[in-house]
Amino acid sequence: NTMSTHLAILSRAGLVSCQKQSRTMTYRAHLPSVRDLVVYLLRDC
């Protein structure tokens, strides 16, 4: 239940995506968002 809360926060931030199949939920890192974050941090560096 604690992990579910953490994954929901990461999902709302756009950093992970979730695919639900029946009762299972598979999470993946959302790499385009990671790239956007890194570019945001380093823009005009």
ModelCIF file with pLDDT and N, C-alpha, C, O atoms, coordinates in Angstrom:
data_MODEL
#
_entry.id   MODEL 
#
_entity.id                         1 
_entity.type                       polymer 
_entity.pdbx_number_of_molecules   1 
#
_entity_poly.entity_id                      1 
_entity_poly.type                           'polypeptide(L)' 
_entity_poly.nstd_linkage                   no 
_entity_poly.nstd_monomer                   no 
_entity_poly.pdbx_seq_one_letter_code       NTMSTHLAILSRAGLVSCQKQSRTMTYRAHLPSVRDLVVYLLRDC 
_entity_poly.pdbx_seq_one_letter_code_can   NTMSTHLAILSRAGLVSCQKQSRTMTYRAHLPSVRDLVVYLLRDC 
_entity_poly.pdbx_strand_id                 A 
#
loop_
_entity_poly_seq.entity_id 
_entity_poly_seq.num 
_entity_poly_seq.mon_id 
_entity_poly_seq.hetero 
1 1  ASN n 
1 2  THR n 
1 3  MET n 
1 4  SER n 
1 5  THR n 
1 6  HIS n 
1 7  LEU n 
1 8  ALA n 
1 9  ILE n 
1 10 LEU n 
1 11 SER n 
1 12 ARG n 
1 13 ALA n 
1 14 GLY n 
1 15 LEU n 
1 16 VAL n 
1 17 SER n 
1 18 CYS n 
1 19 GLN n 
1 20 LYS n 
1 21 GLN n 
1 22 SER n 
1 23 ARG n 
1 24 THR n 
1 25 MET n 
1 26 THR n 
1 27 TYR n 
1 28 ARG n 
1 29 ALA n 
1 30 HIS n 
1 31 LEU n 
1 32 PRO n 
1 33 SER n 
1 34 VAL n 
1 35 ARG n 
1 36 ASP n 
1 37 LEU n 
1 38 VAL n 
1 39 VAL n 
1 40 TYR n 
1 41 LEU n 
1 42 LEU n 
1 43 ARG n 
1 44 ASP n 
1 45 CYS n 
#
_struct_asym.id          A 
_struct_asym.entity_id   1 
#
loop_
_ma_qa_metric.id 
_ma_qa_metric.mode 
_ma_qa_metric.name 
_ma_qa_metric.software_group_id 
_ma_qa_metric.type 
1 global pLDDT . pLDDT 
2 local  pLDDT . pLDDT 
#
_ma_qa_metric_global.metric_id      1 
_ma_qa_metric_global.metric_value   91.53 
_ma_qa_metric_global.model_id       1 
_ma_qa_metric_global.ordinal_id     1 
#
loop_
_ma_qa_metric_local.label_asym_id 
_ma_qa_metric_local.label_comp_id 
_ma_qa_metric_local.label_seq_id 
_ma_qa_metric_local.metric_id 
_ma_qa_metric_local.metric_value 
_ma_qa_metric_local.model_id 
_ma_qa_metric_local.ordinal_id 
A ASN 1  2 95.00 1 1  
A THR 2  2 96.00 1 2  
A MET 3  2 97.00 1 3  
A SER 4  2 95.00 1 4  
A THR 5  2 97.00 1 5  
A HIS 6  2 98.00 1 6  
A LEU 7  2 98.00 1 7  
A ALA 8  2 97.00 1 8  
A ILE 9  2 98.00 1 9  
A LEU 10 2 98.00 1 10 
A SER 11 2 97.00 1 11 
A ARG 12 2 96.00 1 12 
A ALA 13 2 97.00 1 13 
A GLY 14 2 96.00 1 14 
A LEU 15 2 97.00 1 15 
A VAL 16 2 97.00 1 16 
A SER 17 2 96.00 1 17 
A CYS 18 2 96.00 1 18 
A GLN 19 2 95.00 1 19 
A LYS 20 2 92.00 1 20 
A GLN 21 2 88.00 1 21 
A SER 22 2 89.00 1 22 
A ARG 23 2 87.00 1 23 
A THR 24 2 90.00 1 24 
A MET 25 2 94.00 1 25 
A THR 26 2 97.00 1 26 
A TYR 27 2 98.00 1 27 
A ARG 28 2 97.00 1 28 
A ALA 29 2 97.00 1 29 
A HIS 30 2 96.00 1 30 
A LEU 31 2 92.00 1 31 
A PRO 32 2 93.00 1 32 
A SER 33 2 93.00 1 33 
A VAL 34 2 89.00 1 34 
A ARG 35 2 89.00 1 35 
A ASP 36 2 91.00 1 36 
A LEU 37 2 89.00 1 37 
A VAL 38 2 84.00 1 38 
A VAL 39 2 83.00 1 39 
A TYR 40 2 83.00 1 40 
A LEU 41 2 81.00 1 41 
A LEU 42 2 78.00 1 42 
A ARG 43 2 75.00 1 43 
A ASP 44 2 69.00 1 44 
A CYS 45 2 69.00 1 45 
#
loop_
_atom_site.group_PDB 
_atom_site.id 
_atom_site.type_symbol 
_atom_site.label_atom_id 
_atom_site.label_alt_id 
_atom_site.label_comp_id 
_atom_site.label_asym_id 
_atom_site.label_entity_id 
_atom_site.label_seq_id 
_atom_site.pdbx_PDB_ins_code 
_atom_site.Cartn_x 
_atom_site.Cartn_y 
_atom_site.Cartn_z 
_atom_site.occupancy 
_atom_site.B_iso_or_equiv 
_atom_site.pdbx_formal_charge 
_atom_site.auth_seq_id 
_atom_site.auth_comp_id 
_atom_site.auth_asym_id 
_atom_site.auth_atom_id 
_atom_site.pdbx_PDB_model_num 
ATOM 1   N N  . ASN A 1 1  ? 0.830  -1.217 0.000   1.00 95.00 ? 1  ASN A N  1 
ATOM 2   C CA . ASN A 1 1  ? 0.000  0.000  0.000   1.00 95.00 ? 1  ASN A CA 1 
ATOM 3   C C  . ASN A 1 1  ? 0.860  1.261  0.000   1.00 95.00 ? 1  ASN A C  1 
ATOM 4   O O  . ASN A 1 1  ? 0.494  2.257  -0.624  1.00 95.00 ? 1  ASN A O  1 
ATOM 5   N N  . THR A 1 2  ? 1.988  1.227  0.687   1.00 96.00 ? 2  THR A N  1 
ATOM 6   C CA . THR A 1 2  ? 2.910  2.364  0.692   1.00 96.00 ? 2  THR A CA 1 
ATOM 7   C C  . THR A 1 2  ? 3.512  2.545  -0.696  1.00 96.00 ? 2  THR A C  1 
ATOM 8   O O  . THR A 1 2  ? 3.625  3.668  -1.188  1.00 96.00 ? 2  THR A O  1 
ATOM 9   N N  . MET A 1 3  ? 3.901  1.427  -1.329  1.00 97.00 ? 3  MET A N  1 
ATOM 10  C CA . MET A 1 3  ? 4.487  1.505  -2.666  1.00 97.00 ? 3  MET A CA 1 
ATOM 11  C C  . MET A 1 3  ? 3.479  2.051  -3.653  1.00 97.00 ? 3  MET A C  1 
ATOM 12  O O  . MET A 1 3  ? 3.836  2.818  -4.547  1.00 97.00 ? 3  MET A O  1 
ATOM 13  N N  . SER A 1 4  ? 2.220  1.666  -3.501  1.00 95.00 ? 4  SER A N  1 
ATOM 14  C CA . SER A 1 4  ? 1.161  2.166  -4.375  1.00 95.00 ? 4  SER A CA 1 
ATOM 15  C C  . SER A 1 4  ? 1.074  3.687  -4.309  1.00 95.00 ? 4  SER A C  1 
ATOM 16  O O  . SER A 1 4  ? 0.912  4.346  -5.337  1.00 95.00 ? 4  SER A O  1 
ATOM 17  N N  . THR A 1 5  ? 1.179  4.236  -3.126  1.00 97.00 ? 5  THR A N  1 
ATOM 18  C CA . THR A 1 5  ? 1.147  5.687  -2.949  1.00 97.00 ? 5  THR A CA 1 
ATOM 19  C C  . THR A 1 5  ? 2.337  6.342  -3.639  1.00 97.00 ? 5  THR A C  1 
ATOM 20  O O  . THR A 1 5  ? 2.186  7.351  -4.328  1.00 97.00 ? 5  THR A O  1 
ATOM 21  N N  . HIS A 1 6  ? 3.517  5.765  -3.450  1.00 98.00 ? 6  HIS A N  1 
ATOM 22  C CA . HIS A 1 6  ? 4.720  6.319  -4.088  1.00 98.00 ? 6  HIS A CA 1 
ATOM 23  C C  . HIS A 1 6  ? 4.606  6.266  -5.611  1.00 98.00 ? 6  HIS A C  1 
ATOM 24  O O  . HIS A 1 6  ? 4.958  7.229  -6.294  1.00 98.00 ? 6  HIS A O  1 
ATOM 25  N N  . LEU A 1 7  ? 4.119  5.154  -6.142  1.00 98.00 ? 7  LEU A N  1 
ATOM 26  C CA . LEU A 1 7  ? 3.983  5.022  -7.593  1.00 98.00 ? 7  LEU A CA 1 
ATOM 27  C C  . LEU A 1 7  ? 2.944  5.998  -8.137  1.00 98.00 ? 7  LEU A C  1 
ATOM 28  O O  . LEU A 1 7  ? 3.102  6.506  -9.246  1.00 98.00 ? 7  LEU A O  1 
ATOM 29  N N  . ALA A 1 8  ? 1.892  6.265  -7.379  1.00 97.00 ? 8  ALA A N  1 
ATOM 30  C CA . ALA A 1 8  ? 0.885  7.236  -7.804  1.00 97.00 ? 8  ALA A CA 1 
ATOM 31  C C  . ALA A 1 8  ? 1.488  8.636  -7.898  1.00 97.00 ? 8  ALA A C  1 
ATOM 32  O O  . ALA A 1 8  ? 1.166  9.389  -8.817  1.00 97.00 ? 8  ALA A O  1 
ATOM 33  N N  . ILE A 1 9  ? 2.347  8.982  -6.967  1.00 98.00 ? 9  ILE A N  1 
ATOM 34  C CA . ILE A 1 9  ? 3.004  10.295 -6.994  1.00 98.00 ? 9  ILE A CA 1 
ATOM 35  C C  . ILE A 1 9  ? 3.915  10.403 -8.207  1.00 98.00 ? 9  ILE A C  1 
ATOM 36  O O  . ILE A 1 9  ? 3.918  11.421 -8.897  1.00 98.00 ? 9  ILE A O  1 
ATOM 37  N N  . LEU A 1 10 ? 4.694  9.347  -8.468  1.00 98.00 ? 10 LEU A N  1 
ATOM 38  C CA . LEU A 1 10 ? 5.563  9.348  -9.652  1.00 98.00 ? 10 LEU A CA 1 
ATOM 39  C C  . LEU A 1 10 ? 4.742  9.422  -10.935 1.00 98.00 ? 10 LEU A C  1 
ATOM 40  O O  . LEU A 1 10 ? 5.139  10.077 -11.898 1.00 98.00 ? 10 LEU A O  1 
ATOM 41  N N  . SER A 1 11 ? 3.612  8.756  -10.939 1.00 97.00 ? 11 SER A N  1 
ATOM 42  C CA . SER A 1 11 ? 2.738  8.765  -12.106 1.00 97.00 ? 11 SER A CA 1 
ATOM 43  C C  . SER A 1 11 ? 2.142  10.153 -12.337 1.00 97.00 ? 11 SER A C  1 
ATOM 44  O O  . SER A 1 11 ? 2.124  10.640 -13.467 1.00 97.00 ? 11 SER A O  1 
ATOM 45  N N  . ARG A 1 12 ? 1.658  10.784 -11.280 1.00 96.00 ? 12 ARG A N  1 
ATOM 46  C CA . ARG A 1 12 ? 1.099  12.141 -11.407 1.00 96.00 ? 12 ARG A CA 1 
ATOM 47  C C  . ARG A 1 12 ? 2.157  13.128 -11.894 1.00 96.00 ? 12 ARG A C  1 
ATOM 48  O O  . ARG A 1 12 ? 1.835  14.099 -12.578 1.00 96.00 ? 12 ARG A O  1 
ATOM 49  N N  . ALA A 1 13 ? 3.405  12.884 -11.545 1.00 97.00 ? 13 ALA A N  1 
ATOM 50  C CA . ALA A 1 13 ? 4.499  13.748 -11.995 1.00 97.00 ? 13 ALA A CA 1 
ATOM 51  C C  . ALA A 1 13 ? 4.896  13.446 -13.440 1.00 97.00 ? 13 ALA A C  1 
ATOM 52  O O  . ALA A 1 13 ? 5.714  14.159 -14.021 1.00 97.00 ? 13 ALA A O  1 
ATOM 53  N N  . GLY A 1 14 ? 4.324  12.399 -14.019 1.00 96.00 ? 14 GLY A N  1 
ATOM 54  C CA . GLY A 1 14 ? 4.629  12.038 -15.403 1.00 96.00 ? 14 GLY A CA 1 
ATOM 55  C C  . GLY A 1 14 ? 5.907  11.253 -15.581 1.00 96.00 ? 14 GLY A C  1 
ATOM 56  O O  . GLY A 1 14 ? 6.368  11.070 -16.707 1.00 96.00 ? 14 GLY A O  1 
ATOM 57  N N  . LEU A 1 15 ? 6.489  10.784 -14.486 1.00 97.00 ? 15 LEU A N  1 
ATOM 58  C CA . LEU A 1 15 ? 7.771  10.080 -14.559 1.00 97.00 ? 15 LEU A CA 1 
ATOM 59  C C  . LEU A 1 15 ? 7.623  8.585  -14.786 1.00 97.00 ? 15 LEU A C  1 
ATOM 60  O O  . LEU A 1 15 ? 8.565  7.930  -15.232 1.00 97.00 ? 15 LEU A O  1 
ATOM 61  N N  . VAL A 1 16 ? 6.455  8.040  -14.485 1.00 97.00 ? 16 VAL A N  1 
ATOM 62  C CA . VAL A 1 16 ? 6.192  6.628  -14.736 1.00 97.00 ? 16 VAL A CA 1 
ATOM 63  C C  . VAL A 1 16 ? 4.812  6.496  -15.370 1.00 97.00 ? 16 VAL A C  1 
ATOM 64  O O  . VAL A 1 16 ? 3.946  7.356  -15.211 1.00 97.00 ? 16 VAL A O  1 
ATOM 65  N N  . SER A 1 17 ? 4.639  5.406  -16.083 1.00 96.00 ? 17 SER A N  1 
ATOM 66  C CA . SER A 1 17 ? 3.332  5.089  -16.646 1.00 96.00 ? 17 SER A CA 1 
ATOM 67  C C  . SER A 1 17 ? 2.922  3.723  -16.119 1.00 96.00 ? 17 SER A C  1 
ATOM 68  O O  . SER A 1 17 ? 3.756  2.933  -15.680 1.00 96.00 ? 17 SER A O  1 
ATOM 69  N N  . CYS A 1 18 ? 1.637  3.464  -16.171 1.00 96.00 ? 18 CYS A N  1 
ATOM 70  C CA . CYS A 1 18 ? 1.112  2.220  -15.643 1.00 96.00 ? 18 CYS A CA 1 
ATOM 71  C C  . CYS A 1 18 ? 0.184  1.594  -16.680 1.00 96.00 ? 18 CYS A C  1 
ATOM 72  O O  . CYS A 1 18 ? -0.641 2.270  -17.293 1.00 96.00 ? 18 CYS A O  1 
ATOM 73  N N  . GLN A 1 19 ? 0.342  0.302  -16.854 1.00 95.00 ? 19 GLN A N  1 
ATOM 74  C CA . GLN A 1 19 ? -0.550 -0.451 -17.724 1.00 95.00 ? 19 GLN A CA 1 
ATOM 75  C C  . GLN A 1 19 ? -1.246 -1.495 -16.870 1.00 95.00 ? 19 GLN A C  1 
ATOM 76  O O  . GLN A 1 19 ? -0.606 -2.371 -16.289 1.00 95.00 ? 19 GLN A O  1 
ATOM 77  N N  . LYS A 1 20 ? -2.570 -1.388 -16.804 1.00 92.00 ? 20 LYS A N  1 
ATOM 78  C CA . LYS A 1 20 ? -3.352 -2.313 -15.993 1.00 92.00 ? 20 LYS A CA 1 
ATOM 79  C C  . LYS A 1 20 ? -3.868 -3.440 -16.870 1.00 92.00 ? 20 LYS A C  1 
ATOM 80  O O  . LYS A 1 20 ? -4.460 -3.201 -17.923 1.00 92.00 ? 20 LYS A O  1 
ATOM 81  N N  . GLN A 1 21 ? -3.641 -4.667 -16.428 1.00 88.00 ? 21 GLN A N  1 
ATOM 82  C CA . GLN A 1 21 ? -4.144 -5.853 -17.110 1.00 88.00 ? 21 GLN A CA 1 
ATOM 83  C C  . GLN A 1 21 ? -4.806 -6.724 -16.056 1.00 88.00 ? 21 GLN A C  1 
ATOM 84  O O  . GLN A 1 21 ? -4.139 -7.349 -15.232 1.00 88.00 ? 21 GLN A O  1 
ATOM 85  N N  . SER A 1 22 ? -6.112 -6.751 -16.098 1.00 89.00 ? 22 SER A N  1 
ATOM 86  C CA . SER A 1 22 ? -6.886 -7.487 -15.109 1.00 89.00 ? 22 SER A CA 1 
ATOM 87  C C  . SER A 1 22 ? -6.571 -6.923 -13.728 1.00 89.00 ? 22 SER A C  1 
ATOM 88  O O  . SER A 1 22 ? -6.890 -5.767 -13.450 1.00 89.00 ? 22 SER A O  1 
ATOM 89  N N  . ARG A 1 23 ? -5.951 -7.718 -12.858 1.00 87.00 ? 23 ARG A N  1 
ATOM 90  C CA . ARG A 1 23 ? -5.636 -7.252 -11.505 1.00 87.00 ? 23 ARG A CA 1 
ATOM 91  C C  . ARG A 1 23 ? -4.175 -6.852 -11.344 1.00 87.00 ? 23 ARG A C  1 
ATOM 92  O O  . ARG A 1 23 ? -3.763 -6.454 -10.254 1.00 87.00 ? 23 ARG A O  1 
ATOM 93  N N  . THR A 1 24 ? -3.390 -6.951 -12.408 1.00 90.00 ? 24 THR A N  1 
ATOM 94  C CA . THR A 1 24 ? -1.971 -6.598 -12.314 1.00 90.00 ? 24 THR A CA 1 
ATOM 95  C C  . THR A 1 24 ? -1.719 -5.219 -12.913 1.00 90.00 ? 24 THR A C  1 
ATOM 96  O O  . THR A 1 24 ? -2.386 -4.791 -13.855 1.00 90.00 ? 24 THR A O  1 
ATOM 97  N N  . MET A 1 25 ? -0.742 -4.548 -12.337 1.00 94.00 ? 25 MET A N  1 
ATOM 98  C CA . MET A 1 25 ? -0.359 -3.227 -12.814 1.00 94.00 ? 25 MET A CA 1 
ATOM 99  C C  . MET A 1 25 ? 1.140  -3.229 -13.087 1.00 94.00 ? 25 MET A C  1 
ATOM 100 O O  . MET A 1 25 ? 1.952  -3.439 -12.186 1.00 94.00 ? 25 MET A O  1 
ATOM 101 N N  . THR A 1 26 ? 1.490  -2.991 -14.350 1.00 97.00 ? 26 THR A N  1 
ATOM 102 C CA . THR A 1 26 ? 2.885  -2.941 -14.748 1.00 97.00 ? 26 THR A CA 1 
ATOM 103 C C  . THR A 1 26 ? 3.298  -1.486 -14.887 1.00 97.00 ? 26 THR A C  1 
ATOM 104 O O  . THR A 1 26 ? 2.665  -0.711 -15.604 1.00 97.00 ? 26 THR A O  1 
ATOM 105 N N  . TYR A 1 27 ? 4.365  -1.127 -14.194 1.00 98.00 ? 27 TYR A N  1 
ATOM 106 C CA . TYR A 1 27 ? 4.874  0.237  -14.227 1.00 98.00 ? 27 TYR A CA 1 
ATOM 107 C C  . TYR A 1 27 ? 6.129  0.298  -15.079 1.00 98.00 ? 27 TYR A C  1 
ATOM 108 O O  . TYR A 1 27 ? 6.938  -0.629 -15.097 1.00 98.00 ? 27 TYR A O  1 
ATOM 109 N N  . ARG A 1 28 ? 6.270  1.413  -15.784 1.00 97.00 ? 28 ARG A N  1 
ATOM 110 C CA . ARG A 1 28 ? 7.445  1.664  -16.612 1.00 97.00 ? 28 ARG A CA 1 
ATOM 111 C C  . ARG A 1 28 ? 7.897  3.108  -16.396 1.00 97.00 ? 28 ARG A C  1 
ATOM 112 O O  . ARG A 1 28 ? 7.082  3.997  -16.151 1.00 97.00 ? 28 ARG A O  1 
ATOM 113 N N  . ALA A 1 29 ? 9.191  3.320  -16.488 1.00 97.00 ? 29 ALA A N  1 
ATOM 114 C CA . ALA A 1 29 ? 9.702  4.691  -16.466 1.00 97.00 ? 29 ALA A CA 1 
ATOM 115 C C  . ALA A 1 29 ? 9.245  5.371  -17.755 1.00 97.00 ? 29 ALA A C  1 
ATOM 116 O O  . ALA A 1 29 ? 9.295  4.767  -18.826 1.00 97.00 ? 29 ALA A O  1 
ATOM 117 N N  . HIS A 1 30 ? 8.810  6.592  -17.659 1.00 96.00 ? 30 HIS A N  1 
ATOM 118 C CA . HIS A 1 30 ? 8.391  7.350  -18.842 1.00 96.00 ? 30 HIS A CA 1 
ATOM 119 C C  . HIS A 1 30 ? 9.583  8.206  -19.274 1.00 96.00 ? 30 HIS A C  1 
ATOM 120 O O  . HIS A 1 30 ? 9.734  9.353  -18.852 1.00 96.00 ? 30 HIS A O  1 
ATOM 121 N N  . LEU A 1 31 ? 10.418 7.620  -20.121 1.00 92.00 ? 31 LEU A N  1 
ATOM 122 C CA . LEU A 1 31 ? 11.690 8.241  -20.481 1.00 92.00 ? 31 LEU A CA 1 
ATOM 123 C C  . LEU A 1 31 ? 11.561 9.580  -21.200 1.00 92.00 ? 31 LEU A C  1 
ATOM 124 O O  . LEU A 1 31 ? 12.424 10.435 -21.002 1.00 92.00 ? 31 LEU A O  1 
ATOM 125 N N  . PRO A 1 32 ? 10.539 9.819  -22.023 1.00 93.00 ? 32 PRO A N  1 
ATOM 126 C CA . PRO A 1 32 ? 10.422 11.170 -22.598 1.00 93.00 ? 32 PRO A CA 1 
ATOM 127 C C  . PRO A 1 32 ? 10.290 12.259 -21.529 1.00 93.00 ? 32 PRO A C  1 
ATOM 128 O O  . PRO A 1 32 ? 10.813 13.360 -21.701 1.00 93.00 ? 32 PRO A O  1 
ATOM 129 N N  . SER A 1 33 ? 9.601  11.962 -20.441 1.00 93.00 ? 33 SER A N  1 
ATOM 130 C CA . SER A 1 33 ? 9.488  12.943 -19.353 1.00 93.00 ? 33 SER A CA 1 
ATOM 131 C C  . SER A 1 33 ? 10.830 13.154 -18.658 1.00 93.00 ? 33 SER A C  1 
ATOM 132 O O  . SER A 1 33 ? 11.152 14.261 -18.226 1.00 93.00 ? 33 SER A O  1 
ATOM 133 N N  . VAL A 1 34 ? 11.603 12.082 -18.558 1.00 89.00 ? 34 VAL A N  1 
ATOM 134 C CA . VAL A 1 34 ? 12.929 12.196 -17.947 1.00 89.00 ? 34 VAL A CA 1 
ATOM 135 C C  . VAL A 1 34 ? 13.794 13.104 -18.814 1.00 89.00 ? 34 VAL A C  1 
ATOM 136 O O  . VAL A 1 34 ? 14.493 13.985 -18.313 1.00 89.00 ? 34 VAL A O  1 
ATOM 137 N N  . ARG A 1 35 ? 13.735 12.874 -20.121 1.00 89.00 ? 35 ARG A N  1 
ATOM 138 C CA . ARG A 1 35 ? 14.510 13.716 -21.031 1.00 89.00 ? 35 ARG A CA 1 
ATOM 139 C C  . ARG A 1 35 ? 14.067 15.167 -20.908 1.00 89.00 ? 35 ARG A C  1 
ATOM 140 O O  . ARG A 1 35 ? 14.904 16.068 -20.862 1.00 89.00 ? 35 ARG A O  1 
ATOM 141 N N  . ASP A 1 36 ? 12.751 15.402 -20.854 1.00 91.00 ? 36 ASP A N  1 
ATOM 142 C CA . ASP A 1 36 ? 12.249 16.773 -20.703 1.00 91.00 ? 36 ASP A CA 1 
ATOM 143 C C  . ASP A 1 36 ? 12.756 17.413 -19.417 1.00 91.00 ? 36 ASP A C  1 
ATOM 144 O O  . ASP A 1 36 ? 13.103 18.594 -19.406 1.00 91.00 ? 36 ASP A O  1 
ATOM 145 N N  . LEU A 1 37 ? 12.800 16.644 -18.335 1.00 89.00 ? 37 LEU A N  1 
ATOM 146 C CA . LEU A 1 37 ? 13.285 17.169 -17.057 1.00 89.00 ? 37 LEU A CA 1 
ATOM 147 C C  . LEU A 1 37 ? 14.758 17.535 -17.136 1.00 89.00 ? 37 LEU A C  1 
ATOM 148 O O  . LEU A 1 37 ? 15.162 18.597 -16.663 1.00 89.00 ? 37 LEU A O  1 
ATOM 149 N N  . VAL A 1 38 ? 15.558 16.666 -17.728 1.00 84.00 ? 38 VAL A N  1 
ATOM 150 C CA . VAL A 1 38 ? 16.995 16.947 -17.849 1.00 84.00 ? 38 VAL A CA 1 
ATOM 151 C C  . VAL A 1 38 ? 17.226 18.175 -18.732 1.00 84.00 ? 38 VAL A C  1 
ATOM 152 O O  . VAL A 1 38 ? 18.042 19.037 -18.405 1.00 84.00 ? 38 VAL A O  1 
ATOM 153 N N  . VAL A 1 39 ? 16.510 18.247 -19.837 1.00 83.00 ? 39 VAL A N  1 
ATOM 154 C CA . VAL A 1 39 ? 16.643 19.414 -20.716 1.00 83.00 ? 39 VAL A CA 1 
ATOM 155 C C  . VAL A 1 39 ? 16.200 20.676 -19.981 1.00 83.00 ? 39 VAL A C  1 
ATOM 156 O O  . VAL A 1 39 ? 16.837 21.722 -20.101 1.00 83.00 ? 39 VAL A O  1 
ATOM 157 N N  . TYR A 1 40 ? 15.112 20.580 -19.225 1.00 83.00 ? 40 TYR A N  1 
ATOM 158 C CA . TYR A 1 40 ? 14.640 21.718 -18.438 1.00 83.00 ? 40 TYR A CA 1 
ATOM 159 C C  . TYR A 1 40 ? 15.726 22.192 -17.461 1.00 83.00 ? 40 TYR A C  1 
ATOM 160 O O  . TYR A 1 40 ? 15.984 23.390 -17.340 1.00 83.00 ? 40 TYR A O  1 
ATOM 161 N N  . LEU A 1 41 ? 16.351 21.243 -16.775 1.00 81.00 ? 41 LEU A N  1 
ATOM 162 C CA . LEU A 1 41 ? 17.383 21.601 -15.800 1.00 81.00 ? 41 LEU A CA 1 
ATOM 163 C C  . LEU A 1 41 ? 18.615 22.211 -16.445 1.00 81.00 ? 41 LEU A C  1 
ATOM 164 O O  . LEU A 1 41 ? 19.259 23.087 -15.868 1.00 81.00 ? 41 LEU A O  1 
ATOM 165 N N  . LEU A 1 42 ? 18.940 21.747 -17.637 1.00 78.00 ? 42 LEU A N  1 
ATOM 166 C CA . LEU A 1 42 ? 20.181 22.169 -18.274 1.00 78.00 ? 42 LEU A CA 1 
ATOM 167 C C  . LEU A 1 42 ? 19.987 23.208 -19.371 1.00 78.00 ? 42 LEU A C  1 
ATOM 168 O O  . LEU A 1 42 ? 20.955 23.634 -20.001 1.00 78.00 ? 42 LEU A O  1 
ATOM 169 N N  . ARG A 1 43 ? 18.747 23.615 -19.600 1.00 75.00 ? 43 ARG A N  1 
ATOM 170 C CA . ARG A 1 43 ? 18.489 24.595 -20.649 1.00 75.00 ? 43 ARG A CA 1 
ATOM 171 C C  . ARG A 1 43 ? 19.376 25.808 -20.444 1.00 75.00 ? 43 ARG A C  1 
ATOM 172 O O  . ARG A 1 43 ? 19.462 26.366 -19.350 1.00 75.00 ? 43 ARG A O  1 
ATOM 173 N N  . ASP A 1 44 ? 20.008 26.187 -21.488 1.00 69.00 ? 44 ASP A N  1 
ATOM 174 C CA . ASP A 1 44 ? 20.903 27.350 -21.480 1.00 69.00 ? 44 ASP A CA 1 
ATOM 175 C C  . ASP A 1 44 ? 22.061 27.202 -20.500 1.00 69.00 ? 44 ASP A C  1 
ATOM 176 O O  . ASP A 1 44 ? 22.627 28.197 -20.047 1.00 69.00 ? 44 ASP A O  1 
ATOM 177 N N  . CYS A 1 45 ? 22.413 25.957 -20.174 1.00 69.00 ? 45 CYS A N  1 
ATOM 178 C CA . CYS A 1 45 ? 23.513 25.760 -19.222 1.00 69.00 ? 45 CYS A CA 1 
ATOM 179 C C  . CYS A 1 45 ? 24.825 26.278 -19.778 1.00 69.00 ? 45 CYS A C  1 
ATOM 180 O O  . CYS A 1 45 ? 25.855 26.194 -19.109 1.00 69.00 ? 45 CYS A O  1 
#
